[in-house]
Amino acid sequence: MTNALELTEVFQHVGERCALEAIDLVVPKGSWLLLVGRNRASKSPLTRLVL
């Protein structure tokens, strides 16, 4: 099955802060993804990066 999304070794900085460090993510085609975490856990930077 193919993947709808695949990220490997993703890094992202927001200002001086490292928001994402060495993120690997695979979302198979046809599946759902839910991002859950506390405040300032870098959910928004990851979402903006993918969109």
Protein backbone atom coordinates (compact mmCIF):
# COMPACT_ATOMS: atom_id res chain seq x y z
CA MET A 1 0.00 0.00 0.00
CA THR A 2 1.25 3.50 -0.77
CA ASN A 3 1.62 6.21 1.82
CA ALA A 4 -0.45 9.38 1.88
CA LEU A 5 2.35 11.14 3.78
CA GLU A 6 5.94 10.25 4.61
CA LEU A 7 8.40 12.49 6.45
CA THR A 8 11.98 11.49 7.22
CA GLU A 9 14.44 13.32 9.50
CA VAL A 10 12.44 16.58 9.48
CA PHE A 11 13.81 19.57 11.36
CA GLN A 12 12.08 22.92 11.77
CA HIS A 13 13.05 26.01 13.73
CA VAL A 14 10.62 28.67 14.88
CA GLY A 15 12.72 31.71 15.68
CA GLU A 16 15.48 30.55 18.03
CA ARG A 17 13.51 27.46 19.12
CA CYS A 18 13.87 24.03 17.51
CA ALA A 19 10.21 23.09 17.07
CA LEU A 20 10.75 19.75 15.32
CA GLU A 21 13.88 17.66 15.63
CA ALA A 22 14.48 14.50 13.57
CA ILE A 23 10.78 13.72 13.07
CA ASP A 24 9.87 10.57 11.13
CA LEU A 25 6.21 10.07 10.23
CA VAL A 26 4.43 7.63 7.92
CA VAL A 27 0.67 7.86 7.29
CA PRO A 28 -0.64 5.04 5.10
CA LYS A 29 -3.16 5.93 2.41
CA GLY A 30 -6.74 5.62 3.69
CA SER A 31 -5.83 6.05 7.37
CA TRP A 32 -6.53 8.89 9.80
CA LEU A 33 -4.02 10.96 11.75
CA LEU A 34 -4.76 12.78 15.00
CA LEU A 35 -2.20 15.10 16.59
CA VAL A 36 -2.61 15.37 20.34
CA GLY A 37 -0.29 17.09 22.77
CA ARG A 38 0.07 19.75 25.41
CA ASN A 39 0.39 23.46 24.66
CA ARG A 40 3.59 24.40 22.80
CA ALA A 41 4.22 20.77 21.78
CA SER A 42 4.81 21.81 18.11
CA LYS A 43 1.56 20.46 16.68
CA SER A 44 0.94 23.64 14.64
CA PRO A 45 4.43 23.82 13.08
CA LEU A 46 4.12 20.20 11.96
CA THR A 47 0.67 20.85 10.48
CA ARG A 48 1.88 23.98 8.63
CA LEU A 49 4.88 22.10 7.30
CA VAL A 50 2.68 19.37 5.79
CA LEU A 51 0.07 21.73 4.34
